[in-house]
């Protein structure tokens, strides 16, 4: 009986040693470094994303302002043109300049509308 007890004690000690060794080996697997790498990558992504979104907003805002100013100048010039043709007794709506202006105005208004939508999209992101 004593022999069996001794054998079991030795087996039990051997198992404990193997388990301790395995615990040490398993401790070598550390995923905290991956979390640090992810955090750094996400931080860089967020920073670059914000920077690029702000750059896109600036570009869209500038283009909108340019298009708006072009339309305003063209409308003012068409008003001047209309006044001059009226003095001469000509219906300015029958001129090629009027047709060109209408085509231009349609393009500019469409572009302004599109840019306003882009501005709204960017504002939602920021």
Protein backbone atom coordinates (compact mmCIF):
# COMPACT_ATOMS: atom_id res chain seq x y z
CA UNK A 1 0.00 0.00 0.00
CA UNK A 2 2.84 2.33 0.88
CA UNK A 3 4.45 1.62 -2.50
CA UNK A 4 1.32 2.61 -4.37
CA UNK A 5 1.12 5.83 -2.37
CA UNK A 6 4.75 6.64 -3.21
CA UNK A 7 4.18 5.97 -6.91
CA UNK A 8 1.10 8.22 -6.97
CA UNK A 9 2.96 10.98 -5.15
CA UNK A 10 5.77 10.81 -7.71
CA UNK A 11 3.30 10.82 -10.58
CA UNK A 12 1.48 13.72 -9.03
CA UNK A 13 4.74 15.70 -8.68
CA UNK A 14 5.70 14.93 -12.28
CA UNK A 15 2.31 16.20 -13.52
CA UNK A 16 2.70 19.39 -11.49
CA UNK A 17 6.15 19.98 -12.98
CA UNK A 18 4.84 19.46 -16.50
CA UNK A 19 1.89 21.76 -15.84
CA UNK A 20 4.19 24.41 -14.42
CA UNK A 21 6.40 24.14 -17.51
CA UNK A 22 3.37 24.42 -19.79
CA UNK A 23 2.15 27.48 -17.86
CA UNK A 24 5.53 29.12 -18.40
CA UNK A 25 5.41 28.26 -22.11
CA UNK A 26 1.86 29.61 -22.40
CA UNK A 27 2.87 32.81 -20.64
CA UNK A 28 5.12 33.54 -23.62
CA UNK A 29 1.98 34.21 -25.68
CA UNK A 30 1.24 37.87 -24.98
CA UNK A 31 -1.37 39.64 -27.07
CA UNK A 32 -0.97 43.01 -25.38
CA UNK A 33 1.61 43.99 -28.00
CA UNK A 34 -0.96 43.41 -30.74
CA UNK A 35 -3.38 45.68 -28.92
CA UNK A 36 -0.70 48.37 -28.72
CA UNK A 37 -0.01 47.99 -32.44
CA UNK A 38 -3.72 48.22 -33.19
CA UNK A 39 -4.14 51.30 -30.98
CA UNK A 40 -1.25 53.01 -32.75
CA UNK A 41 -2.59 52.07 -36.19
CA UNK A 42 -6.08 53.28 -35.30
CA UNK A 43 -4.73 56.53 -33.92
CA UNK A 44 -2.77 57.14 -37.14
CA UNK A 45 -5.82 56.23 -39.22
CA UNK A 46 -8.09 58.59 -37.29
CA UNK A 47 -5.57 61.43 -37.52
CA UNK A 48 -4.98 60.96 -41.26
CA UNK A 49 -8.71 60.52 -41.89
CA UNK A 50 -9.59 63.75 -40.11
CA UNK A 51 -6.78 65.59 -41.85
CA UNK A 52 -7.91 64.36 -45.27
CA UNK A 53 -11.60 65.03 -44.55
CA UNK A 54 -10.71 68.58 -43.51
CA UNK A 55 -8.64 68.97 -46.68
CA UNK A 56 -11.59 67.69 -48.75
CA UNK A 57 -13.91 70.14 -46.96
CA UNK A 58 -11.55 73.00 -47.77
CA UNK A 59 -11.40 71.98 -51.45
CA UNK A 60 -15.18 71.61 -51.73
CA UNK A 61 -15.79 74.94 -49.96
CA UNK A 62 -13.32 76.74 -52.23
CA UNK A 63 -14.80 75.25 -55.38
CA UNK A 64 -18.31 76.16 -54.20
CA UNK A 65 -17.22 79.75 -53.61
CA UNK A 66 -15.58 79.89 -57.05
CA UNK A 67 -18.68 78.53 -58.80
CA UNK A 68 -20.95 80.90 -56.88
CA UNK A 69 -18.79 83.92 -57.78
CA UNK A 70 -18.63 82.90 -61.44
CA UNK A 71 -22.43 82.64 -61.55
CA UNK A 72 -22.85 86.02 -59.84
CA UNK A 73 -20.47 87.71 -62.31
CA UNK A 74 -22.15 86.06 -65.28
CA UNK A 75 -25.59 87.15 -64.05
CA UNK A 76 -24.37 90.72 -63.57
CA UNK A 77 -22.88 90.73 -67.05
CA UNK A 78 -26.13 89.33 -68.48
CA UNK A 79 -28.03 92.13 -66.72
CA UNK A 80 -25.69 94.67 -68.36
CA UNK A 81 -26.07 92.91 -71.71
CA UNK A 82 -29.86 92.94 -71.34
CA UNK A 83 -29.87 96.68 -70.58
CA UNK A 84 -27.68 97.45 -73.61
CA UNK A 85 -29.80 95.34 -75.97
CA UNK A 86 -32.96 96.97 -74.60
CA UNK A 87 -31.51 100.41 -75.45
CA UNK A 88 -31.00 99.16 -78.99
CA UNK A 89 -34.49 97.69 -79.15
CA UNK A 90 -33.27 94.09 -79.32
CA UNK A 91 -34.83 91.25 -77.36
CA UNK A 92 -31.77 89.81 -75.61
CA UNK A 93 -33.55 86.45 -75.08
CA UNK A 94 -33.23 85.80 -78.79
CA UNK A 95 -29.45 86.22 -78.89
CA UNK A 96 -26.77 83.55 -78.85
CA UNK A 97 -25.34 85.20 -75.71
CA UNK A 98 -28.60 84.54 -73.87
CA UNK A 99 -28.52 80.89 -74.92
CA UNK A 100 -24.88 80.57 -73.83
CA UNK A 101 -25.70 82.25 -70.54
CA UNK A 102 -28.66 79.94 -69.92
CA UNK A 103 -26.50 76.89 -70.60
CA UNK A 104 -23.76 78.20 -68.31
CA UNK A 105 -26.24 79.09 -65.56
CA UNK A 106 -27.78 75.61 -65.70
CA UNK A 107 -24.35 74.00 -65.31
CA UNK A 108 -23.33 76.33 -62.48
CA UNK A 109 -26.58 75.88 -60.54
CA UNK A 110 -26.34 72.12 -60.91
CA UNK A 111 -22.74 72.22 -59.69
CA UNK A 112 -23.66 74.42 -56.73
CA UNK A 113 -26.37 71.96 -55.75
CA UNK A 114 -23.96 69.04 -56.04
CA UNK A 115 -21.35 70.84 -53.95
CA UNK A 116 -23.91 71.68 -51.25
CA UNK A 117 -24.67 67.95 -51.01
CA UNK A 118 -20.95 67.20 -50.71
CA UNK A 119 -20.67 69.81 -47.95
CA UNK A 120 -23.55 68.14 -46.07
CA UNK A 121 -21.92 64.70 -46.44
CA UNK A 122 -18.62 66.00 -45.11
CA UNK A 123 -20.34 67.80 -42.22
CA UNK A 124 -21.96 64.51 -41.18
CA UNK A 125 -18.55 62.83 -41.10
CA UNK A 126 -16.80 65.59 -39.19
